[in-house]
C-alpha atoms as a PDB file:
ATOM      1  CA  MET A   1     -29.078   9.560 -10.295  1.00  0.00           C
ATOM      2  CA  LYS A   2     -28.469   6.028  -9.237  1.00  0.00           C
ATOM      3  CA  ARG A   3     -30.271   6.076  -6.232  1.00  0.00           C
ATOM      4  CA  THR A   4     -33.409   6.875  -8.473  1.00  0.00           C
ATOM      5  CA  GLY A   5     -32.589   4.066 -10.503  1.00  0.00           C
ATOM      6  CA  ASP A   6     -33.052   1.808  -8.181  1.00  0.00           C
ATOM      7  CA  VAL A   7     -35.779   2.827  -6.247  1.00  0.00           C
ATOM      8  CA  VAL A   8     -37.593   1.973 -10.148  1.00  0.00           C
ATOM      9  CA  GLY A   9     -36.013  -1.510 -10.748  1.00  0.00           C
ATOM     10  CA  LEU A  10     -37.396  -2.332  -6.692  1.00  0.00           C
ATOM     11  CA  LEU A  11     -40.881  -1.031  -7.530  1.00  0.00           C
ATOM     12  CA  ALA A  12     -40.813  -2.368 -11.190  1.00  0.00           C
ATOM     13  CA  ALA A  13     -40.131  -5.192  -9.798  1.00  0.00           C
ATOM     14  CA  ALA A  14     -42.389  -5.289  -6.505  1.00  0.00           C
ATOM     15  CA  VAL A  15     -45.134  -4.713  -9.844  1.00  0.00           C
ATOM     16  CA  VAL A  16     -44.195  -8.226 -11.217  1.00  0.00           C
ATOM     17  CA  VAL A  17     -43.842 -10.081  -7.932  1.00  0.00           C
ATOM     18  CA  GLY A  18     -47.318  -8.262  -6.992  1.00  0.00           C
ATOM     19  CA  THR A  19     -49.341  -8.898 -10.219  1.00  0.00           C
ATOM     20  CA  THR A  20     -47.983 -12.883 -10.248  1.00  0.00           C
ATOM     21  CA  GLY A  21     -48.259 -13.525  -6.249  1.00  0.00           C
ATOM     22  CA  TRP A  22     -52.667 -12.116  -7.348  1.00  0.00           C
ATOM     23  CA  PHE A  23     -52.556 -14.136 -10.046  1.00  0.00           C
ATOM     24  CA  ALA A  24     -51.381 -17.298  -8.237  1.00  0.00           C
ATOM     25  CA  GLY A  25     -54.237 -16.415  -5.231  1.00  0.00           C
ATOM     26  CA  VAL A  26     -57.337 -16.361  -7.863  1.00  0.00           C
ATOM     27  CA  ALA A  27     -55.548 -19.549  -8.795  1.00  0.00           C
ATOM     28  CA  GLY A  28     -57.735 -22.739  -8.903  1.00  0.00           C
ATOM     29  CA  ALA A  29     -57.204 -25.675  -6.815  1.00  0.00           C
ATOM     30  CA  GLY A  30     -55.554 -27.323  -9.721  1.00  0.00           C
ATOM     31  CA  GLU A  31     -53.955 -24.472 -11.190  1.00  0.00           C
ATOM     32  CA  ARG A  32     -52.084 -23.061  -7.691  1.00  0.00           C
ATOM     33  CA  TYR A  33     -48.907 -26.012  -7.939  1.00  0.00           C
ATOM     34  CA  GLU A  34     -48.701 -24.405 -11.842  1.00  0.00           C
ATOM     35  CA  ALA A  35     -49.234 -20.682 -10.015  1.00  0.00           C
ATOM     36  CA  GLY A  36     -46.763 -20.834  -7.010  1.00  0.00           C
ATOM     37  CA  LEU A  37     -44.505 -21.814  -9.029  1.00  0.00           C
ATOM     38  CA  VAL A  38     -44.232 -19.322 -11.876  1.00  0.00           C
ATOM     39  CA  LEU A  39     -44.007 -16.690  -8.309  1.00  0.00           C
ATOM     40  CA  GLY A  40     -41.337 -18.383  -7.015  1.00  0.00           C
ATOM     41  CA  LEU A  41     -39.705 -18.208 -10.590  1.00  0.00           C
ATOM     42  CA  SER A  42     -40.338 -14.285 -11.002  1.00  0.00           C
ATOM     43  CA  SER A  43     -39.448 -13.168  -7.553  1.00  0.00           C
ATOM     44  CA  ALA A  44     -35.957 -15.123  -8.219  1.00  0.00           C
ATOM     45  CA  LEU A  45     -35.868 -13.782 -11.554  1.00  0.00           C
ATOM     46  CA  SER A  46     -36.089  -9.976 -10.118  1.00  0.00           C
ATOM     47  CA  VAL A  47     -33.874 -10.091  -6.443  1.00  0.00           C
ATOM     48  CA  ALA A  48     -31.243 -11.858  -9.673  1.00  0.00           C
ATOM     49  CA  LEU A  49     -31.764  -8.830 -12.139  1.00  0.00           C
ATOM     50  CA  LEU A  50     -31.853  -5.836  -9.327  1.00  0.00           C
ATOM     51  CA  ARG A  51     -28.254  -7.231  -7.367  1.00  0.00           C
ATOM     52  CA  ARG A  52     -27.142  -6.883 -10.882  1.00  0.00           C
ATOM     53  CA  PHE A  53     -28.714  -3.818 -12.434  1.00  0.00           C
ATOM     54  CA  THR A  54     -28.773  -1.438  -8.702  1.00  0.00           C
ATOM     55  CA  HIS A  55     -26.896  -0.459  -5.353  1.00  0.00           C
ATOM     56  CA  LEU A  56     -29.241  -1.915  -3.343  1.00  0.00           C
ATOM     57  CA  PRO A  57     -27.650  -4.469  -0.922  1.00  0.00           C
ATOM     58  CA  LEU A  58     -30.539  -7.331  -0.611  1.00  0.00           C
ATOM     59  CA  GLY A  59     -27.969  -8.847   0.683  1.00  0.00           C
ATOM     60  CA  ARG A  60     -25.178  -9.357  -0.724  1.00  0.00           C
ATOM     61  CA  ARG A  61     -21.844  -8.203   0.638  1.00  0.00           C
ATOM     62  CA  ARG A  62     -20.256  -5.408  -0.078  1.00  0.00           C
ATOM     63  CA  PRO A  63     -17.075  -4.771  -0.454  1.00  0.00           C
ATOM     64  CA  TYR A  64     -16.482  -1.304   1.165  1.00  0.00           C
ATOM     65  CA  THR A  65     -15.764  -2.699   5.054  1.00  0.00           C
ATOM     66  CA  PHE A  66     -11.661  -1.947   5.334  1.00  0.00           C
ATOM     67  CA  ALA A  67     -10.577  -3.778   8.504  1.00  0.00           C
ATOM     68  CA  LEU A  68      -7.348  -5.025   9.549  1.00  0.00           C
ATOM     69  CA  PRO A  69      -6.335  -8.238  10.837  1.00  0.00           C
ATOM     70  CA  LEU A  70      -6.127  -7.731  14.907  1.00  0.00           C
ATOM     71  CA  PRO A  71      -4.388  -6.435  16.395  1.00  0.00           C
ATOM     72  CA  ALA A  72      -4.845  -3.023  13.632  1.00  0.00           C
ATOM     73  CA  PRO A  73      -1.291  -1.731  13.256  1.00  0.00           C
ATOM     74  CA  ASP A  74      -0.483   2.124  14.895  1.00  0.00           C
ATOM     75  CA  TRP A  75       1.055   3.805  11.431  1.00  0.00           C
ATOM     76  CA  SER A  76       1.668   6.656  12.872  1.00  0.00           C
ATOM     77  CA  ALA A  77       3.573   5.269  16.426  1.00  0.00           C
ATOM     78  CA  ARG A  78       7.747   5.262  14.966  1.00  0.00           C
ATOM     79  CA  PRO A  79       9.369   1.394  14.778  1.00  0.00           C
ATOM     80  CA  PRO A  80      11.330   0.384  17.726  1.00  0.00           C
ATOM     81  CA  ASP A  81      15.277   2.216  16.473  1.00  0.00           C
ATOM     82  CA  PRO A  82      17.118  -1.435  15.247  1.00  0.00           C
ATOM     83  CA  GLY A  83      20.683   0.620  17.182  1.00  0.00           C
ATOM     84  CA  GLY A  84      22.365  -2.076  14.190  1.00  0.00           C
ATOM     85  CA  ASP A  85      20.957  -4.696  14.795  1.00  0.00           C
ATOM     86  CA  PRO A  86      18.630  -6.471  12.512  1.00  0.00           C
ATOM     87  CA  GLU A  87      16.622  -9.121  14.546  1.00  0.00           C
ATOM     88  CA  ALA A  88      15.686  -5.845  17.392  1.00  0.00           C
ATOM     89  CA  LEU A  89      13.615  -4.264  13.746  1.00  0.00           C
ATOM     90  CA  ARG A  90      12.422  -7.922  12.514  1.00  0.00           C
ATOM     91  CA  PRO A  91       9.937  -8.815  14.529  1.00  0.00           C
ATOM     92  CA  TYR A  92       7.408  -4.766  14.256  1.00  0.00           C
ATOM     93  CA  ALA A  93       8.803  -5.157   9.697  1.00  0.00           C
ATOM     94  CA  GLU A  94       7.622  -9.056  10.041  1.00  0.00           C
ATOM     95  CA  ARG A  95       4.370  -8.488  12.026  1.00  0.00           C
ATOM     96  CA  GLN A  96       3.701  -5.256   8.846  1.00  0.00           C
ATOM     97  CA  ALA A  97       4.106  -7.738   5.803  1.00  0.00           C
ATOM     98  CA  ALA A  98       2.015  -9.579   7.586  1.00  0.00           C
ATOM     99  CA  LEU A  99      -0.734  -7.433   8.018  1.00  0.00           C
ATOM    100  CA  LEU A 100      -0.554  -5.729   3.684  1.00  0.00           C
ATOM    101  CA  SER A 101      -0.303  -9.543   3.755  1.00  0.00           C
ATOM    102  CA  ASP A 102      -3.176 -10.019   4.675  1.00  0.00           C
ATOM    103  CA  ALA A 103      -5.387  -7.112   3.400  1.00  0.00           C
ATOM    104  CA  SER A 104      -3.862  -7.362  -0.035  1.00  0.00           C
ATOM    105  CA  ALA A 105      -5.886  -9.346  -2.372  1.00  0.00           C
ATOM    106  CA  LEU A 106      -8.353  -5.860  -1.058  1.00  0.00           C
ATOM    107  CA  GLY A 107      -7.163  -4.063  -3.514  1.00  0.00           C
ATOM    108  CA  ASP A 108      -8.128  -6.821  -6.180  1.00  0.00           C
ATOM    109  CA  THR A 109     -12.257  -6.548  -4.551  1.00  0.00           C
ATOM    110  CA  LEU A 110     -11.514  -2.808  -4.696  1.00  0.00           C
ATOM    111  CA  ARG A 111      -9.900  -2.078  -8.269  1.00  0.00           C
ATOM    112  CA  ARG A 112     -13.246  -3.435  -9.341  1.00  0.00           C
ATOM    113  CA  THR A 113     -15.934  -2.114  -7.101  1.00  0.00           C
ATOM    114  CA  CYS A 114     -15.440   1.964  -5.756  1.00  0.00           C
ATOM    115  CA  THR A 115     -15.694   4.988  -7.623  1.00  0.00           C
ATOM    116  CA  LEU A 116     -11.526   6.879  -9.363  1.00  0.00           C
ATOM    117  CA  ALA A 117     -11.176   6.126 -12.285  1.00  0.00           C
ATOM    118  CA  PRO A 118     -10.532   2.469 -13.638  1.00  0.00           C
ATOM    119  CA  GLN A 119      -7.019   3.415 -14.469  1.00  0.00           C
ATOM    120  CA  LEU A 120      -6.154   4.702 -11.570  1.00  0.00           C
ATOM    121  CA  ARG A 121      -7.894   1.330  -9.966  1.00  0.00           C
ATOM    122  CA  ALA A 122      -6.006  -0.947 -11.132  1.00  0.00           C
ATOM    123  CA  GLU A 123      -2.681   1.836 -10.192  1.00  0.00           C
ATOM    124  CA  LEU A 124      -3.401   1.486  -6.327  1.00  0.00           C
ATOM    125  CA  ALA A 125      -4.612  -1.971  -6.330  1.00  0.00           C
ATOM    126  CA  SER A 126      -1.078  -3.020  -8.264  1.00  0.00           C
ATOM    127  CA  PHE A 127       1.053  -0.653  -5.775  1.00  0.00           C
ATOM    128  CA  ALA A 128      -0.778  -2.919  -2.861  1.00  0.00           C
ATOM    129  CA  VAL A 129       0.095  -6.730  -4.570  1.00  0.00           C
ATOM    130  CA  THR A 130       3.953  -4.717  -5.550  1.00  0.00           C
ATOM    131  CA  ALA A 131       4.594  -3.044  -2.300  1.00  0.00           C
ATOM    132  CA  SER A 132       3.315  -6.517  -0.146  1.00  0.00           C
ATOM    133  CA  ILE A 133       5.828  -8.643  -2.772  1.00  0.00           C
ATOM    134  CA  GLN A 134       8.905  -6.279  -2.070  1.00  0.00           C
ATOM    135  CA  ALA A 135       7.696  -6.078   1.422  1.00  0.00           C
ATOM    136  CA  SER A 136       8.203  -9.559   2.127  1.00  0.00           C
ATOM    137  CA  ASN A 137      10.657 -10.990   0.366  1.00  0.00           C
ATOM    138  CA  SER A 138      12.035  -7.974   2.394  1.00  0.00           C
ATOM    139  CA  VAL A 139      11.638 -10.027   5.687  1.00  0.00           C
ATOM    140  CA  ILE A 140      13.269 -12.866   4.641  1.00  0.00           C
ATOM    141  CA  ALA A 141      16.732 -14.058   4.970  1.00  0.00           C
ATOM    142  CA  PRO A 142      18.416 -13.678   8.361  1.00  0.00           C
ATOM    143  CA  ALA A 143      20.926 -11.653   8.427  1.00  0.00           C
ATOM    144  CA  GLY A 144      23.820 -14.774   8.003  1.00  0.00           C
ATOM    145  CA  GLU A 145      22.470 -15.002   4.992  1.00  0.00           C
ATOM    146  CA  GLY A 146      22.854 -11.547   3.768  1.00  0.00           C
ATOM    147  CA  PRO A 147      24.976 -10.752   0.399  1.00  0.00           C
ATOM    148  CA  ARG A 148      28.206 -12.530   2.276  1.00  0.00           C
ATOM    149  CA  GLY A 149      29.743  -9.272   2.974  1.00  0.00           C
ATOM    150  CA  PRO A 150      33.792  -9.429   3.947  1.00  0.00           C
ATOM    151  CA  ASP A 151      32.636  -9.222   7.313  1.00  0.00           C
ATOM    152  CA  PRO A 152      29.482  -9.137   9.876  1.00  0.00           C
ATOM    153  CA  ALA A 153      29.359  -6.218  10.194  1.00  0.00           C
ATOM    154  CA  TYR A 154      28.462  -6.140   6.101  1.00  0.00           C
ATOM    155  CA  ASP A 155      25.397  -8.209   6.637  1.00  0.00           C
ATOM    156  CA  ALA A 156      23.684  -6.703   9.851  1.00  0.00           C
ATOM    157  CA  ALA A 157      24.261  -3.583   7.623  1.00  0.00           C
ATOM    158  CA  HIS A 158      22.452  -5.511   4.445  1.00  0.00           C
ATOM    159  CA  ALA A 159      19.634  -6.776   6.668  1.00  0.00           C
ATOM    160  CA  VAL A 160      18.744  -3.758   8.074  1.00  0.00           C
ATOM    161  CA  GLY A 161      18.532  -1.953   4.362  1.00  0.00           C
ATOM    162  CA  GLU A 162      16.258  -4.629   3.983  1.00  0.00           C
ATOM    163  CA  LEU A 163      14.210  -4.945   6.795  1.00  0.00           C
ATOM    164  CA  VAL A 164      14.039  -0.861   7.175  1.00  0.00           C
ATOM    165  CA  ALA A 165      12.733  -1.283   3.026  1.00  0.00           C
ATOM    166  CA  ALA A 166      10.317  -3.850   4.751  1.00  0.00           C
ATOM    167  CA  VAL A 167       8.696  -1.173   7.134  1.00  0.00           C
ATOM    168  CA  GLU A 168       9.028   1.630   4.235  1.00  0.00           C
ATOM    169  CA  PHE A 169       6.830  -1.248   2.027  1.00  0.00           C
ATOM    170  CA  SER A 170       3.753  -1.908   3.868  1.00  0.00           C
ATOM    171  CA  ARG A 171       3.075   1.710   4.824  1.00  0.00           C
ATOM    172  CA  ILE A 172       3.087   2.359   0.914  1.00  0.00           C
ATOM    173  CA  GLY A 173       0.708  -1.044   0.254  1.00  0.00           C
ATOM    174  CA  MET A 174      -1.035   0.070   3.186  1.00  0.00           C
ATOM    175  CA  ARG A 175      -1.849   3.471   2.437  1.00  0.00           C
ATOM    176  CA  ALA A 176      -2.357   1.952  -1.417  1.00  0.00           C
ATOM    177  CA  LEU A 177      -6.122   0.597  -0.257  1.00  0.00           C
ATOM    178  CA  GLU A 178      -6.929   2.580   2.670  1.00  0.00           C
ATOM    179  CA  ALA A 179      -6.680   5.120  -1.023  1.00  0.00           C
ATOM    180  CA  LEU A 180      -9.346   2.585  -2.465  1.00  0.00           C
ATOM    181  CA  VAL A 181     -11.464   2.515   0.349  1.00  0.00           C
ATOM    182  CA  THR A 182     -11.909   5.740   0.444  1.00  0.00           C
ATOM    183  CA  GLU A 183     -12.050   6.198  -2.369  1.00  0.00           C
ATOM    184  CA  ARG A 184      -9.384   8.823  -2.825  1.00  0.00           C
ATOM    185  CA  PRO A 185      -6.406   9.308  -5.008  1.00  0.00           C
ATOM    186  CA  LEU A 186      -2.968   8.538  -2.665  1.00  0.00           C
ATOM    187  CA  ARG A 187      -1.341  12.045  -1.586  1.00  0.00           C
ATOM    188  CA  PRO A 188       2.626  12.777  -0.590  1.00  0.00           C
ATOM    189  CA  ASP A 189       3.529  11.374   2.145  1.00  0.00           C
ATOM    190  CA  PRO A 190       7.573  10.338   2.207  1.00  0.00           C
ATOM    191  CA  PRO A 191       9.552   8.569   4.541  1.00  0.00           C
ATOM    192  CA  CYS A 192      12.015  10.684   6.613  1.00  0.00           C
ATOM    193  CA  TYR A 193      16.154  10.529   4.313  1.00  0.00           C
ATOM    194  CA  PHE A 194      18.286  10.512   7.116  1.00  0.00           C
ATOM    195  CA  ASN A 195      16.318   8.108   8.997  1.00  0.00           C
ATOM    196  CA  PRO A 196      13.463   6.408   7.289  1.00  0.00           C
ATOM    197  CA  LEU A 197      11.556   5.209  10.988  1.00  0.00           C
ATOM    198  CA  HIS A 198      11.032   8.793  11.819  1.00  0.00           C
ATOM    199  CA  ASP A 199       8.275  10.391  11.589  1.00  0.00           C
ATOM    200  CA  ARG A 200       7.040  10.820   8.320  1.00  0.00           C
ATOM    201  CA  GLY A 201       9.234  13.481   6.729  1.00  0.00           C
ATOM    202  CA  HIS A 202       6.544  16.765   6.003  1.00  0.00           C
ATOM    203  CA  ALA A 203       9.099  19.102   5.374  1.00  0.00           C
ATOM    204  CA  ARG A 204      11.869  19.734   2.893  1.00  0.00           C
ATOM    205  CA  VAL A 205      15.526  20.414   3.284  1.00  0.00           C
ATOM    206  CA  ALA A 206      18.899  20.739   1.716  1.00  0.00           C
ATOM    207  CA  LEU A 207      21.416  17.874   1.701  1.00  0.00           C
ATOM    208  CA  PRO A 208      24.620  19.276   2.373  1.00  0.00           C
ATOM    209  CA  GLY A 209      27.496  17.927   0.378  1.00  0.00           C
ATOM    210  CA  ALA A 210      25.939  16.868  -2.741  1.00  0.00           C
ATOM    211  CA  PRO A 211      27.780  17.845  -5.625  1.00  0.00           C
ATOM    212  CA  ASP A 212      26.165  20.234  -8.119  1.00  0.00           C
ATOM    213  CA  GLY A 213      24.529  22.529  -5.745  1.00  0.00           C
ATOM    214  CA  PRO A 214      21.589  21.509  -3.280  1.00  0.00           C
ATOM    215  CA  GLU A 215      19.590  18.742  -2.903  1.00  0.00           C
ATOM    216  CA  GLU A 216      16.829  18.949  -1.800  1.00  0.00           C
ATOM    217  CA  VAL A 217      15.313  15.464   0.495  1.00  0.00           C
ATOM    218  CA  ALA A 218      11.878  14.642   2.839  1.00  0.00           C
ATOM    219  CA  ALA A 219      12.993  15.271   6.014  1.00  0.00           C
ATOM    220  CA  CYS A 220      10.396  14.095   9.649  1.00  0.00           C
ATOM    221  CA  HIS A 221      10.263  17.639  11.871  1.00  0.00           C
ATOM    222  CA  GLY A 222      12.999  16.696  14.397  1.00  0.00           C
ATOM    223  CA  CYS A 223      16.109  15.869  11.698  1.00  0.00           C
ATOM    224  CA  ALA A 224      15.050  19.322   9.971  1.00  0.00           C
ATOM    225  CA  LYS A 225      16.658  21.078  12.781  1.00  0.00           C
ATOM    226  CA  GLY A 226      19.653  18.042  13.108  1.00  0.00           C
ATOM    227  CA  PRO A 227      20.105  15.589  11.296  1.00  0.00           C
ATOM    228  CA  GLU A 228      20.274  11.781  13.810  1.00  0.00           C
ATOM    229  CA  PRO A 229      20.629   9.431  10.609  1.00  0.00           C
ATOM    230  CA  LEU A 230      19.453   5.655  11.304  1.00  0.00           C
ATOM    231  CA  LEU A 231      23.426   3.940  11.901  1.00  0.00           C
ATOM    232  CA  VAL A 232      23.774   0.480  10.448  1.00  0.00           C
ATOM    233  CA  PRO A 233      26.846  -1.393  11.451  1.00  0.00           C
ATOM    234  CA  SER A 234      30.452  -1.052   9.808  1.00  0.00           C
ATOM    235  CA  GLU A 235      33.493  -2.717  10.177  1.00  0.00           C
ATOM    236  CA  GLY A 236      35.332   1.135  10.686  1.00  0.00           C
ATOM    237  CA  GLY A 237      31.765   1.764  12.755  1.00  0.00           C
ATOM    238  CA  PRO A 238      28.330   2.571  12.660  1.00  0.00           C
ATOM    239  CA  VAL A 239      27.694   4.570   9.383  1.00  0.00           C
ATOM    240  CA  PRO A 240      23.792   7.102   8.906  1.00  0.00           C
ATOM    241  CA  TYR A 241      22.523   4.276   6.398  1.00  0.00           C
ATOM    242  CA  TYR A 242      23.599   6.771   3.516  1.00  0.00           C
ATOM    243  CA  ASP A 243      26.568   6.737   3.653  1.00  0.00           C
ATOM    244  CA  SER A 244      27.111   2.057   3.199  1.00  0.00           C
ATOM    245  CA  ASP A 245      27.476  -0.167   0.345  1.00  0.00           C
ATOM    246  CA  ALA A 246      25.747  -2.184   1.805  1.00  0.00           C
ATOM    247  CA  VAL A 247      22.771  -1.000   2.285  1.00  0.00           C
ATOM    248  CA  ASP A 248      20.043  -2.035  -1.252  1.00  0.00           C
ATOM    249  CA  ALA A 249      21.355   0.859  -3.666  1.00  0.00           C
ATOM    250  CA  ARG A 250      17.619   0.952  -4.893  1.00  0.00           C
ATOM    251  CA  TRP A 251      16.949   2.338  -0.955  1.00  0.00           C
ATOM    252  CA  ARG A 252      20.123   3.846  -0.394  1.00  0.00           C
ATOM    253  CA  LEU A 253      19.551   6.058  -3.378  1.00  0.00           C
ATOM    254  CA  LEU A 254      16.673   7.178  -3.407  1.00  0.00           C
ATOM    255  CA  GLY A 255      16.382   7.793   0.445  1.00  0.00           C
ATOM    256  CA  TYR A 256      13.686   5.020   1.015  1.00  0.00           C
ATOM    257  CA  GLY A 257      11.077   7.447  -1.049  1.00  0.00           C
ATOM    258  CA  ALA A 258      11.970  10.516   0.937  1.00  0.00           C
ATOM    259  CA  VAL A 259      14.773  11.786  -1.900  1.00  0.00           C
ATOM    260  CA  VAL A 260      11.782  11.716  -4.999  1.00  0.00           C
ATOM    261  CA  PRO A 261       8.161  13.852  -2.905  1.00  0.00           C
ATOM    262  CA  ASP A 262       5.766  11.732  -5.119  1.00  0.00           C
ATOM    263  CA  ASN A 263       2.881   9.179  -3.667  1.00  0.00           C
ATOM    264  CA  GLY A 264       5.670   6.191  -3.553  1.00  0.00           C
ATOM    265  CA  ALA A 265       5.232   5.112  -7.189  1.00  0.00           C
ATOM    266  CA  THR A 266       9.126   5.353  -7.390  1.00  0.00           C
ATOM    267  CA  MET A 267      10.079   2.668  -4.311  1.00  0.00           C
ATOM    268  CA  ILE A 268       7.397   0.781  -6.695  1.00  0.00           C
ATOM    269  CA  ALA A 269       8.654   2.000  -9.610  1.00  0.00           C
ATOM    270  CA  THR A 270      12.135   0.230  -8.148  1.00  0.00           C
ATOM    271  CA  ALA A 271      11.245  -2.145  -7.068  1.00  0.00           C
ATOM    272  CA  ARG A 272       9.290  -3.842 -10.320  1.00  0.00           C
ATOM    273  CA  ASP A 273      12.434  -2.367 -12.603  1.00  0.00           C
ATOM    274  CA  GLY A 274      15.150  -1.871 -10.580  1.00  0.00           C
ATOM    275  CA  PHE A 275      17.219   1.402 -10.232  1.00  0.00           C
ATOM    276  CA  ARG A 276      17.027   3.787 -12.968  1.00  0.00           C
ATOM    277  CA  ASP A 277      17.274   7.816 -13.009  1.00  0.00           C
ATOM    278  CA  PRO A 278      14.886   9.859 -12.802  1.00  0.00           C
ATOM    279  CA  GLY A 279      17.104  12.946 -14.712  1.00  0.00           C
ATOM    280  CA  PRO A 280      17.079  16.783 -14.524  1.00  0.00           C
ATOM    281  CA  ALA A 281      13.365  16.262 -14.799  1.00  0.00           C
ATOM    282  CA  ALA A 282      13.038  15.011 -11.218  1.00  0.00           C
ATOM    283  CA  PRO A 283      10.802  17.255  -8.998  1.00  0.00           C
ATOM    284  CA  SER A 284      13.827  17.256  -6.359  1.00  0.00           C
ATOM    285  CA  GLY A 285      15.855  19.395  -9.173  1.00  0.00           C
ATOM    286  CA  GLY A 286      18.642  17.318  -9.890  1.00  0.00           C
ATOM    287  CA  GLY A 287      19.061  13.543 -10.938  1.00  0.00           C
ATOM    288  CA  LEU A 288      19.754  11.244  -8.479  1.00  0.00           C
ATOM    289  CA  LYS A 289      23.781   9.921  -9.241  1.00  0.00           C
ATOM    290  CA  LYS A 290      24.420  13.125  -7.741  1.00  0.00           C
ATOM    291  CA  PHE A 291      24.210  11.421  -4.141  1.00  0.00           C
ATOM    292  CA  ARG A 292      26.900  10.362  -2.937  1.00  0.00           C
ATOM    293  CA  THR A 293      27.744   6.450  -1.169  1.00  0.00           C
ATOM    294  CA  LYS A 294      30.823   6.171   0.813  1.00  0.00           C
ATOM    295  CA  VAL A 295      31.692   2.697   0.545  1.00  0.00           C
ATOM    296  CA  SER A 296      31.718   1.824   4.422  1.00  0.00           C
END
């Protein structure tokens, strides 16, 4: 239907311009100036109407080309393991956050042009903007400027937790932009609960030690066979990030989005409004309050 309308509009414009051109050609010598002016105005008006009411390019820049600043990120490559040192992860996290920041303006353009439902377009564009802001905020503070914990290891663990959040929010934001470009809704693509820097959590495993029955979380295929958790510093030695009180509770209790198997909406909502227990209706089978929060 759109293509038929484009053809009809183009034919109508051609008839108008052709008729005006014929009149200009047969006009007398004293009327050539006025006839040429009318021909120019009718041509310009025809092009303007075609650009406004059809899908013909006519020299306008189409917003459907999705390009990232070079070098483009390889989202399938595993980020570096910080080994408890936030500065080992910081360059990677800063680069991903910067790439999302450069591309996030694309979301507003695509929100107005792609064929997804208006509400979904607005939601995806909001995902991209919120994720970009959160990713940028998470890489700002150096390790020594954290929440001033009781020991240096506390601040280092907090910094690692924030940088991991920056990496995950960068992924969420880029996936939202890709959904707008490809005009396909987001699909669940959670991280690995045990180590969010591993491959994506395409498996669901029971979380041992959870009271009131087993809880399922997303895990990469490696951790589904045997967990290899992300370790952060503590006064007593390295501990899994989910057992460290230094890591922001918002990310720790959600497993950076691995606890609730959605498309990133929970992490986005948490970034906006703070942590909220989804309650018994959560897809994981129970509230997040069941998860252990041992202080390191």
